All heavy atoms as atom14 arrays in JSON, in Angstrom:
{
  "sequence": "RVEQLAQKLDGNGASAYRTEILREACRELLDLSSERFALQDFVVDEI",
  "atom14_mask": [
    [1, 1, 1, 1, 1, 1, 1, 1, 1, 1, 1, 0, 0, 0],
    [1, 1, 1, 1, 1, 1, 1, 0, 0, 0, 0, 0, 0, 0],
    [1, 1, 1, 1, 1, 1, 1, 1, 1, 0, 0, 0, 0, 0],
    [1, 1, 1, 1, 1, 1, 1, 1, 1, 0, 0, 0, 0, 0],
    [1, 1, 1, 1, 1, 1, 1, 1, 0, 0, 0, 0, 0, 0],
    [1, 1, 1, 1, 1, 0, 0, 0, 0, 0, 0, 0, 0, 0],
    [1, 1, 1, 1, 1, 1, 1, 1, 1, 0, 0, 0, 0, 0],
    [1, 1, 1, 1, 1, 1, 1, 1, 1, 0, 0, 0, 0, 0],
    [1, 1, 1, 1, 1, 1, 1, 1, 0, 0, 0, 0, 0, 0],
    [1, 1, 1, 1, 1, 1, 1, 1, 0, 0, 0, 0, 0, 0],
    [1, 1, 1, 1, 0, 0, 0, 0, 0, 0, 0, 0, 0, 0],
    [1, 1, 1, 1, 1, 1, 1, 1, 0, 0, 0, 0, 0, 0],
    [1, 1, 1, 1, 0, 0, 0, 0, 0, 0, 0, 0, 0, 0],
    [1, 1, 1, 1, 1, 0, 0, 0, 0, 0, 0, 0, 0, 0],
    [1, 1, 1, 1, 1, 1, 0, 0, 0, 0, 0, 0, 0, 0],
    [1, 1, 1, 1, 1, 0, 0, 0, 0, 0, 0, 0, 0, 0],
    [1, 1, 1, 1, 1, 1, 1, 1, 1, 1, 1, 1, 0, 0],
    [1, 1, 1, 1, 1, 1, 1, 1, 1, 1, 1, 0, 0, 0],
    [1, 1, 1, 1, 1, 1, 1, 0, 0, 0, 0, 0, 0, 0],
    [1, 1, 1, 1, 1, 1, 1, 1, 1, 0, 0, 0, 0, 0],
    [1, 1, 1, 1, 1, 1, 1, 1, 0, 0, 0, 0, 0, 0],
    [1, 1, 1, 1, 1, 1, 1, 1, 0, 0, 0, 0, 0, 0],
    [1, 1, 1, 1, 1, 1, 1, 1, 1, 1, 1, 0, 0, 0],
    [1, 1, 1, 1, 1, 1, 1, 1, 1, 0, 0, 0, 0, 0],
    [1, 1, 1, 1, 1, 0, 0, 0, 0, 0, 0, 0, 0, 0],
    [1, 1, 1, 1, 1, 1, 0, 0, 0, 0, 0, 0, 0, 0],
    [1, 1, 1, 1, 1, 1, 1, 1, 1, 1, 1, 0, 0, 0],
    [1, 1, 1, 1, 1, 1, 1, 1, 1, 0, 0, 0, 0, 0],
    [1, 1, 1, 1, 1, 1, 1, 1, 0, 0, 0, 0, 0, 0],
    [1, 1, 1, 1, 1, 1, 1, 1, 0, 0, 0, 0, 0, 0],
    [1, 1, 1, 1, 1, 1, 1, 1, 0, 0, 0, 0, 0, 0],
    [1, 1, 1, 1, 1, 1, 1, 1, 0, 0, 0, 0, 0, 0],
    [1, 1, 1, 1, 1, 1, 0, 0, 0, 0, 0, 0, 0, 0],
    [1, 1, 1, 1, 1, 1, 0, 0, 0, 0, 0, 0, 0, 0],
    [1, 1, 1, 1, 1, 1, 1, 1, 1, 0, 0, 0, 0, 0],
    [1, 1, 1, 1, 1, 1, 1, 1, 1, 1, 1, 0, 0, 0],
    [1, 1, 1, 1, 1, 1, 1, 1, 1, 1, 1, 0, 0, 0],
    [1, 1, 1, 1, 1, 0, 0, 0, 0, 0, 0, 0, 0, 0],
    [1, 1, 1, 1, 1, 1, 1, 1, 0, 0, 0, 0, 0, 0],
    [1, 1, 1, 1, 1, 1, 1, 1, 1, 0, 0, 0, 0, 0],
    [1, 1, 1, 1, 1, 1, 1, 1, 0, 0, 0, 0, 0, 0],
    [1, 1, 1, 1, 1, 1, 1, 1, 1, 1, 1, 0, 0, 0],
    [1, 1, 1, 1, 1, 1, 1, 0, 0, 0, 0, 0, 0, 0],
    [1, 1, 1, 1, 1, 1, 1, 0, 0, 0, 0, 0, 0, 0],
    [1, 1, 1, 1, 1, 1, 1, 1, 0, 0, 0, 0, 0, 0],
    [1, 1, 1, 1, 1, 1, 1, 1, 1, 0, 0, 0, 0, 0],
    [1, 1, 1, 1, 1, 1, 1, 1, 0, 0, 0, 0, 0, 0]
  ],
  "atom14_positions": [
    [[0.77, -1.2, -0.02], [-0.07, 0.08, -0.04], [0.85, 1.29, 0.04], [0.58, 2.26, -0.66], [-0.91, 0.03, 1.21], [-1.96, -1.11, 1.14], [-2.97, -1.07, 2.37], [-3.73, 0.2, 2.41], [-4.61, 0.58, 3.21], [-4.82, -0.13, 4.31], [-5.28, 1.69, 3.16], [0.0, 0.0, 0.0], [0.0, 0.0, 0.0], [0.0, 0.0, 0.0]],
    [[1.98, 1.21, 0.69], [2.81, 2.43, 0.79], [3.49, 2.57, -0.63], [3.6, 3.73, -1.01], [3.85, 2.09, 1.78], [5.02, 3.27, 1.72], [3.32, 2.12, 3.31], [0.0, 0.0, 0.0], [0.0, 0.0, 0.0], [0.0, 0.0, 0.0], [0.0, 0.0, 0.0], [0.0, 0.0, 0.0], [0.0, 0.0, 0.0], [0.0, 0.0, 0.0]],
    [[3.91, 1.61, -1.17], [4.47, 1.6, -2.65], [3.46, 2.21, -3.54], [3.93, 3.22, -4.41], [4.94, 0.33, -3.12], [5.68, 0.35, -4.37], [6.39, -1.11, -4.68], [6.01, -1.99, -4.14], [7.35, -1.05, -5.55], [0.0, 0.0, 0.0], [0.0, 0.0, 0.0], [0.0, 0.0, 0.0], [0.0, 0.0, 0.0], [0.0, 0.0, 0.0]],
    [[2.19, 1.79, -3.44], [1.17, 2.39, -4.32], [1.1, 3.89, -4.13], [0.82, 4.77, -5.02], [-0.21, 1.71, -4.11], [-0.09, 0.27, -4.67], [-1.51, -0.48, -4.44], [-2.31, 0.11, -3.82], [-1.51, -1.73, -4.91], [0.0, 0.0, 0.0], [0.0, 0.0, 0.0], [0.0, 0.0, 0.0], [0.0, 0.0, 0.0], [0.0, 0.0, 0.0]],
    [[0.96, 4.3, -2.86], [0.86, 5.7, -2.49], [2.06, 6.54, -3.01], [1.89, 7.62, -3.47], [0.78, 5.79, -1.07], [0.78, 7.29, -0.38], [-0.55, 7.99, -0.94], [0.82, 7.34, 1.07], [0.0, 0.0, 0.0], [0.0, 0.0, 0.0], [0.0, 0.0, 0.0], [0.0, 0.0, 0.0], [0.0, 0.0, 0.0], [0.0, 0.0, 0.0]],
    [[3.24, 5.94, -2.77], [4.4, 6.71, -3.27], [4.55, 7.13, -4.8], [4.9, 8.04, -5.28], [5.54, 5.89, -3.0], [0.0, 0.0, 0.0], [0.0, 0.0, 0.0], [0.0, 0.0, 0.0], [0.0, 0.0, 0.0], [0.0, 0.0, 0.0], [0.0, 0.0, 0.0], [0.0, 0.0, 0.0], [0.0, 0.0, 0.0], [0.0, 0.0, 0.0]],
    [[3.73, 6.06, -5.58], [3.79, 6.26, -6.93], [2.76, 7.44, -7.36], [2.77, 7.86, -8.61], [3.39, 4.94, -7.69], [4.46, 3.95, -7.53], [3.94, 2.47, -8.07], [2.89, 2.39, -8.44], [4.86, 1.61, -8.0], [0.0, 0.0, 0.0], [0.0, 0.0, 0.0], [0.0, 0.0, 0.0], [0.0, 0.0, 0.0], [0.0, 0.0, 0.0]],
    [[1.85, 7.88, -6.47], [0.85, 8.74, -6.85], [0.96, 10.05, -6.14], [-0.02, 10.86, -6.06], [-0.52, 8.11, -6.46], [-0.92, 6.97, -7.17], [-2.12, 6.31, -6.88], [-2.49, 5.04, -7.5], [-3.82, 4.44, -7.2], [0.0, 0.0, 0.0], [0.0, 0.0, 0.0], [0.0, 0.0, 0.0], [0.0, 0.0, 0.0], [0.0, 0.0, 0.0]],
    [[2.07, 10.34, -5.6], [2.23, 11.58, -4.72], [2.3, 12.9, -5.53], [1.8, 13.87, -5.25], [3.49, 11.5, -3.96], [3.46, 10.51, -2.7], [4.7, 10.49, -1.85], [2.29, 11.01, -1.73], [0.0, 0.0, 0.0], [0.0, 0.0, 0.0], [0.0, 0.0, 0.0], [0.0, 0.0, 0.0], [0.0, 0.0, 0.0], [0.0, 0.0, 0.0]],
    [[2.93, 12.76, -6.8], [2.97, 13.91, -7.61], [1.65, 14.4, -8.13], [0.93, 13.38, -8.57], [3.95, 13.69, -8.82], [5.49, 13.57, -8.24], [5.76, 14.26, -7.39], [6.2, 12.75, -8.94], [0.0, 0.0, 0.0], [0.0, 0.0, 0.0], [0.0, 0.0, 0.0], [0.0, 0.0, 0.0], [0.0, 0.0, 0.0], [0.0, 0.0, 0.0]],
    [[1.25, 15.58, -8.11], [0.07, 16.01, -8.64], [-1.25, 15.59, -7.86], [-2.29, 15.4, -8.36], [0.0, 0.0, 0.0], [0.0, 0.0, 0.0], [0.0, 0.0, 0.0], [0.0, 0.0, 0.0], [0.0, 0.0, 0.0], [0.0, 0.0, 0.0], [0.0, 0.0, 0.0], [0.0, 0.0, 0.0], [0.0, 0.0, 0.0], [0.0, 0.0, 0.0]],
    [[-1.0, 15.32, -6.47], [-2.1, 14.81, -5.69], [-2.91, 16.04, -5.11], [-3.83, 15.77, -4.32], [-1.62, 13.87, -4.65], [-0.63, 14.67, -3.61], [-0.3, 15.74, -3.81], [-0.26, 13.94, -2.72], [0.0, 0.0, 0.0], [0.0, 0.0, 0.0], [0.0, 0.0, 0.0], [0.0, 0.0, 0.0], [0.0, 0.0, 0.0], [0.0, 0.0, 0.0]],
    [[-2.55, 17.24, -5.37], [-3.15, 18.36, -4.93], [-2.82, 18.82, -3.46], [-3.22, 19.85, -3.04], [0.0, 0.0, 0.0], [0.0, 0.0, 0.0], [0.0, 0.0, 0.0], [0.0, 0.0, 0.0], [0.0, 0.0, 0.0], [0.0, 0.0, 0.0], [0.0, 0.0, 0.0], [0.0, 0.0, 0.0], [0.0, 0.0, 0.0], [0.0, 0.0, 0.0]],
    [[-1.9, 18.07, -2.83], [-1.54, 18.49, -1.4], [-0.41, 19.51, -1.57], [0.13, 19.78, -2.56], [-0.96, 17.23, -0.7], [0.0, 0.0, 0.0], [0.0, 0.0, 0.0], [0.0, 0.0, 0.0], [0.0, 0.0, 0.0], [0.0, 0.0, 0.0], [0.0, 0.0, 0.0], [0.0, 0.0, 0.0], [0.0, 0.0, 0.0], [0.0, 0.0, 0.0]],
    [[-0.31, 20.24, -0.5], [0.83, 21.33, -0.42], [2.18, 20.65, -0.61], [2.38, 19.49, -0.47], [0.74, 21.97, 0.94], [1.2, 21.14, 1.97], [0.0, 0.0, 0.0], [0.0, 0.0, 0.0], [0.0, 0.0, 0.0], [0.0, 0.0, 0.0], [0.0, 0.0, 0.0], [0.0, 0.0, 0.0], [0.0, 0.0, 0.0], [0.0, 0.0, 0.0]],
    [[3.05, 21.54, -1.16], [4.48, 20.97, -1.4], [5.0, 20.51, -0.08], [5.78, 19.46, -0.05], [5.28, 22.16, -1.97], [0.0, 0.0, 0.0], [0.0, 0.0, 0.0], [0.0, 0.0, 0.0], [0.0, 0.0, 0.0], [0.0, 0.0, 0.0], [0.0, 0.0, 0.0], [0.0, 0.0, 0.0], [0.0, 0.0, 0.0], [0.0, 0.0, 0.0]],
    [[4.78, 21.04, 1.05], [5.31, 20.62, 2.27], [4.75, 19.28, 2.68], [5.53, 18.45, 3.07], [5.12, 21.71, 3.46], [5.46, 21.17, 4.86], [6.73, 21.17, 5.26], [4.51, 20.83, 5.75], [7.14, 20.78, 6.55], [4.9, 20.37, 7.02], [6.13, 20.31, 7.34], [6.48, 19.82, 8.65], [0.0, 0.0, 0.0], [0.0, 0.0, 0.0]],
    [[3.63, 19.16, 2.66], [2.93, 17.78, 2.97], [3.45, 16.75, 2.01], [3.68, 15.65, 2.51], [1.44, 17.91, 2.92], [0.62, 16.76, 3.44], [-0.89, 17.03, 3.2], [-1.56, 15.84, 3.86], [-1.99, 15.82, 5.15], [-1.78, 16.8, 6.04], [-2.56, 14.77, 5.67], [0.0, 0.0, 0.0], [0.0, 0.0, 0.0], [0.0, 0.0, 0.0]],
    [[3.42, 17.05, 0.74], [3.95, 16.05, -0.17], [5.33, 15.62, 0.04], [5.7, 14.52, -0.14], [3.81, 16.69, -1.69], [2.45, 16.97, -1.94], [4.25, 15.61, -2.69], [0.0, 0.0, 0.0], [0.0, 0.0, 0.0], [0.0, 0.0, 0.0], [0.0, 0.0, 0.0], [0.0, 0.0, 0.0], [0.0, 0.0, 0.0], [0.0, 0.0, 0.0]],
    [[6.16, 16.63, 0.41], [7.68, 16.27, 0.67], [7.83, 15.38, 1.95], [8.56, 14.36, 1.96], [8.51, 17.57, 0.82], [9.87, 17.21, 1.08], [10.59, 16.3, 0.02], [10.29, 16.46, -1.18], [11.4, 15.49, 0.39], [0.0, 0.0, 0.0], [0.0, 0.0, 0.0], [0.0, 0.0, 0.0], [0.0, 0.0, 0.0], [0.0, 0.0, 0.0]],
    [[6.89, 15.64, 2.89], [6.94, 14.76, 4.16], [6.58, 13.35, 3.71], [7.08, 12.42, 4.16], [6.13, 15.4, 5.19], [6.53, 16.62, 5.72], [5.91, 14.41, 6.31], [7.86, 16.53, 6.48], [0.0, 0.0, 0.0], [0.0, 0.0, 0.0], [0.0, 0.0, 0.0], [0.0, 0.0, 0.0], [0.0, 0.0, 0.0], [0.0, 0.0, 0.0]],
    [[5.41, 13.24, 2.99], [4.98, 11.95, 2.61], [6.03, 11.26, 1.71], [6.19, 9.94, 1.73], [3.65, 12.04, 1.78], [2.34, 12.4, 2.61], [1.29, 12.76, 1.81], [2.08, 11.23, 3.61], [0.0, 0.0, 0.0], [0.0, 0.0, 0.0], [0.0, 0.0, 0.0], [0.0, 0.0, 0.0], [0.0, 0.0, 0.0], [0.0, 0.0, 0.0]],
    [[6.61, 11.94, 0.81], [7.65, 11.3, -0.03], [8.92, 10.81, 0.8], [9.36, 9.66, 0.6], [8.12, 12.37, -1.05], [9.1, 11.73, -2.09], [9.51, 12.7, -3.15], [8.53, 13.07, -4.04], [7.84, 14.22, -4.16], [8.17, 15.24, -3.38], [6.81, 14.32, -5.04], [0.0, 0.0, 0.0], [0.0, 0.0, 0.0], [0.0, 0.0, 0.0]],
    [[9.28, 11.55, 1.82], [10.3, 11.09, 2.85], [9.75, 9.94, 3.59], [10.58, 8.98, 3.76], [10.44, 12.28, 3.77], [11.78, 12.26, 4.49], [12.18, 13.53, 5.37], [11.33, 14.45, 5.2], [13.04, 13.36, 6.01], [0.0, 0.0, 0.0], [0.0, 0.0, 0.0], [0.0, 0.0, 0.0], [0.0, 0.0, 0.0], [0.0, 0.0, 0.0]],
    [[8.58, 9.93, 4.05], [8.1, 8.82, 4.92], [7.99, 7.54, 3.96], [8.47, 6.47, 4.41], [6.65, 9.18, 5.37], [0.0, 0.0, 0.0], [0.0, 0.0, 0.0], [0.0, 0.0, 0.0], [0.0, 0.0, 0.0], [0.0, 0.0, 0.0], [0.0, 0.0, 0.0], [0.0, 0.0, 0.0], [0.0, 0.0, 0.0], [0.0, 0.0, 0.0]],
    [[7.51, 7.77, 2.84], [7.43, 6.39, 1.93], [8.77, 5.9, 1.57], [9.03, 4.56, 1.62], [6.65, 6.77, 0.52], [4.79, 7.04, 0.83], [0.0, 0.0, 0.0], [0.0, 0.0, 0.0], [0.0, 0.0, 0.0], [0.0, 0.0, 0.0], [0.0, 0.0, 0.0], [0.0, 0.0, 0.0], [0.0, 0.0, 0.0], [0.0, 0.0, 0.0]],
    [[9.65, 6.77, 1.33], [11.0, 6.38, 0.9], [11.71, 5.58, 2.09], [12.33, 4.59, 1.91], [11.84, 7.62, 0.6], [13.33, 7.31, 0.18], [13.98, 8.46, -0.35], [14.14, 9.63, 0.55], [13.54, 10.8, 0.4], [12.77, 11.05, -0.59], [13.67, 11.75, 1.4], [0.0, 0.0, 0.0], [0.0, 0.0, 0.0], [0.0, 0.0, 0.0]],
    [[11.61, 6.05, 3.36], [12.07, 5.47, 4.49], [11.52, 4.01, 4.75], [12.2, 3.05, 5.07], [11.93, 6.32, 5.78], [12.87, 7.56, 5.74], [14.25, 7.31, 5.65], [14.81, 6.41, 6.43], [14.97, 8.05, 5.01], [0.0, 0.0, 0.0], [0.0, 0.0, 0.0], [0.0, 0.0, 0.0], [0.0, 0.0, 0.0], [0.0, 0.0, 0.0]],
    [[10.18, 3.96, 4.61], [9.43, 2.71, 4.81], [9.84, 1.65, 3.8], [10.04, 0.48, 4.07], [8.0, 2.98, 4.83], [7.36, 3.68, 6.02], [5.77, 3.9, 5.75], [7.64, 2.9, 7.38], [0.0, 0.0, 0.0], [0.0, 0.0, 0.0], [0.0, 0.0, 0.0], [0.0, 0.0, 0.0], [0.0, 0.0, 0.0], [0.0, 0.0, 0.0]],
    [[10.16, 2.0, 2.59], [10.44, 1.08, 1.39], [11.87, 0.7, 1.48], [12.26, -0.29, 0.84], [9.9, 1.76, 0.11], [8.42, 1.87, -0.06], [8.11, 2.57, -1.42], [7.71, 0.56, 0.09], [0.0, 0.0, 0.0], [0.0, 0.0, 0.0], [0.0, 0.0, 0.0], [0.0, 0.0, 0.0], [0.0, 0.0, 0.0], [0.0, 0.0, 0.0]],
    [[12.69, 1.52, 2.17], [13.98, 1.12, 2.34], [14.1, 0.15, 3.55], [14.25, 0.72, 4.71], [14.91, 2.31, 2.52], [16.45, 2.03, 2.7], [16.78, 0.77, 2.66], [17.16, 2.95, 2.83], [0.0, 0.0, 0.0], [0.0, 0.0, 0.0], [0.0, 0.0, 0.0], [0.0, 0.0, 0.0], [0.0, 0.0, 0.0], [0.0, 0.0, 0.0]],
    [[14.07, -1.05, 3.35], [14.1, -1.99, 4.57], [15.32, -2.02, 5.3], [15.3, -2.51, 6.51], [13.69, -3.43, 3.91], [12.33, -3.62, 3.17], [12.12, -5.04, 2.77], [11.13, -3.09, 4.0], [0.0, 0.0, 0.0], [0.0, 0.0, 0.0], [0.0, 0.0, 0.0], [0.0, 0.0, 0.0], [0.0, 0.0, 0.0], [0.0, 0.0, 0.0]],
    [[16.35, -1.44, 4.9], [17.6, -1.39, 5.57], [17.61, -0.07, 6.58], [18.48, -0.04, 7.51], [18.85, -1.26, 4.72], [18.81, -0.13, 4.08], [0.0, 0.0, 0.0], [0.0, 0.0, 0.0], [0.0, 0.0, 0.0], [0.0, 0.0, 0.0], [0.0, 0.0, 0.0], [0.0, 0.0, 0.0], [0.0, 0.0, 0.0], [0.0, 0.0, 0.0]],
    [[16.65, 0.61, 6.39], [16.59, 1.93, 7.07], [15.77, 1.75, 8.51], [14.79, 1.05, 8.48], [15.89, 3.08, 6.45], [15.73, 4.16, 7.25], [0.0, 0.0, 0.0], [0.0, 0.0, 0.0], [0.0, 0.0, 0.0], [0.0, 0.0, 0.0], [0.0, 0.0, 0.0], [0.0, 0.0, 0.0], [0.0, 0.0, 0.0], [0.0, 0.0, 0.0]],
    [[16.41, 2.26, 9.53], [15.7, 2.26, 10.83], [15.11, 3.65, 11.25], [14.75, 3.83, 12.33], [16.65, 1.67, 11.95], [17.09, 0.35, 11.64], [17.99, -0.26, 12.75], [18.37, 0.61, 13.72], [18.51, -1.36, 12.6], [0.0, 0.0, 0.0], [0.0, 0.0, 0.0], [0.0, 0.0, 0.0], [0.0, 0.0, 0.0], [0.0, 0.0, 0.0]],
    [[15.27, 4.61, 10.38], [14.85, 5.94, 10.75], [13.39, 6.0, 10.89], [12.88, 6.71, 11.86], [15.32, 6.89, 9.54], [14.84, 8.37, 9.8], [15.72, 9.18, 8.86], [15.38, 10.59, 8.79], [14.7, 11.17, 7.91], [14.38, 10.47, 6.89], [14.3, 12.46, 7.95], [0.0, 0.0, 0.0], [0.0, 0.0, 0.0], [0.0, 0.0, 0.0]],
    [[12.56, 5.38, 10.01], [11.12, 5.3, 10.11], [10.72, 3.95, 9.79], [10.06, 3.6, 8.71], [10.62, 6.31, 9.17], [8.93, 6.42, 9.29], [8.39, 6.51, 10.48], [8.25, 6.53, 8.12], [6.95, 6.65, 10.65], [6.88, 6.54, 8.2], [6.26, 6.73, 9.5], [0.0, 0.0, 0.0], [0.0, 0.0, 0.0], [0.0, 0.0, 0.0]],
    [[11.1, 2.93, 10.65], [10.82, 1.59, 10.47], [9.34, 1.32, 10.91], [8.8, 1.95, 11.75], [11.73, 0.75, 11.12], [0.0, 0.0, 0.0], [0.0, 0.0, 0.0], [0.0, 0.0, 0.0], [0.0, 0.0, 0.0], [0.0, 0.0, 0.0], [0.0, 0.0, 0.0], [0.0, 0.0, 0.0], [0.0, 0.0, 0.0], [0.0, 0.0, 0.0]],
    [[8.79, 0.2, 10.38], [7.34, -0.22, 10.64], [7.33, -1.1, 12.03], [7.83, -2.24, 11.94], [6.83, -1.09, 9.49], [6.26, -0.32, 8.42], [5.9, -1.32, 7.21], [5.13, 0.49, 8.75], [0.0, 0.0, 0.0], [0.0, 0.0, 0.0], [0.0, 0.0, 0.0], [0.0, 0.0, 0.0], [0.0, 0.0, 0.0], [0.0, 0.0, 0.0]],
    [[6.91, -0.44, 13.07], [6.74, -1.11, 14.34], [5.4, -2.06, 14.18], [4.47, -1.64, 13.45], [6.61, -0.21, 15.43], [7.73, 0.53, 15.77], [7.51, 1.94, 16.38], [6.8, 2.82, 16.04], [7.9, 1.94, 17.82], [0.0, 0.0, 0.0], [0.0, 0.0, 0.0], [0.0, 0.0, 0.0], [0.0, 0.0, 0.0], [0.0, 0.0, 0.0]],
    [[5.3, -3.21, 14.99], [4.19, -4.08, 14.58], [2.9, -3.39, 14.91], [1.88, -3.58, 14.09], [4.44, -5.37, 15.53], [5.38, -6.33, 14.98], [5.8, -6.18, 13.91], [5.69, -7.2, 15.69], [0.0, 0.0, 0.0], [0.0, 0.0, 0.0], [0.0, 0.0, 0.0], [0.0, 0.0, 0.0], [0.0, 0.0, 0.0], [0.0, 0.0, 0.0]],
    [[2.77, -2.64, 15.99], [1.53, -2.09, 16.3], [1.09, -0.92, 15.24], [-0.05, -0.68, 15.03], [1.46, -1.51, 17.69], [2.3, -0.24, 17.95], [1.74, 0.97, 17.86], [3.61, -0.36, 18.3], [2.43, 2.2, 18.04], [4.33, 0.78, 18.49], [3.73, 2.06, 18.41], [0.0, 0.0, 0.0], [0.0, 0.0, 0.0], [0.0, 0.0, 0.0]],
    [[2.18, -0.24, 14.54], [1.9, 0.62, 13.55], [1.35, -0.06, 12.31], [0.42, 0.37, 11.63], [3.04, 1.42, 13.26], [2.91, 2.37, 12.13], [3.45, 2.34, 14.52], [0.0, 0.0, 0.0], [0.0, 0.0, 0.0], [0.0, 0.0, 0.0], [0.0, 0.0, 0.0], [0.0, 0.0, 0.0], [0.0, 0.0, 0.0], [0.0, 0.0, 0.0]],
    [[1.97, -1.23, 11.94], [1.41, -2.04, 10.79], [-0.09, -2.4, 11.19], [-0.81, -2.27, 10.09], [2.16, -3.33, 10.76], [1.65, -4.19, 9.75], [3.58, -2.93, 10.35], [0.0, 0.0, 0.0], [0.0, 0.0, 0.0], [0.0, 0.0, 0.0], [0.0, 0.0, 0.0], [0.0, 0.0, 0.0], [0.0, 0.0, 0.0], [0.0, 0.0, 0.0]],
    [[-0.38, -2.69, 12.37], [-1.82, -3.06, 12.66], [-2.74, -1.86, 12.52], [-3.88, -1.92, 11.86], [-1.89, -3.56, 14.08], [-3.2, -4.21, 14.4], [-4.04, -4.47, 13.53], [-3.43, -4.63, 15.69], [0.0, 0.0, 0.0], [0.0, 0.0, 0.0], [0.0, 0.0, 0.0], [0.0, 0.0, 0.0], [0.0, 0.0, 0.0], [0.0, 0.0, 0.0]],
    [[-2.28, -0.71, 12.79], [-3.14, 0.54, 12.59], [-3.18, 0.79, 11.23], [-4.26, 1.14, 10.76], [-2.39, 1.8, 13.31], [-2.42, 1.66, 14.79], [-1.58, 2.65, 15.57], [-0.98, 3.46, 14.8], [-1.48, 2.65, 16.85], [0.0, 0.0, 0.0], [0.0, 0.0, 0.0], [0.0, 0.0, 0.0], [0.0, 0.0, 0.0], [0.0, 0.0, 0.0]],
    [[-2.13, 0.69, 10.36], [-2.12, 0.96, 8.8], [-3.07, 0.1, 8.22], [-3.83, 0.39, 7.32], [-0.74, 0.86, 8.31], [0.11, 2.18, 8.88], [-0.84, 0.99, 6.76], [1.63, 2.2, 8.28], [0.0, 0.0, 0.0], [0.0, 0.0, 0.0], [0.0, 0.0, 0.0], [0.0, 0.0, 0.0], [0.0, 0.0, 0.0], [0.0, 0.0, 0.0]]
  ]
}
């Protein structure tokens, strides 16, 4: 789901600031070697 969202961020009508935060979040989640914004189990449940 995160990967699908990342592909649709451009032109989504959100502010540039919000879009950049989302792009940063998706990039960190999809980089499985990164621990900066890793998926905790309870967060996965929420998502």
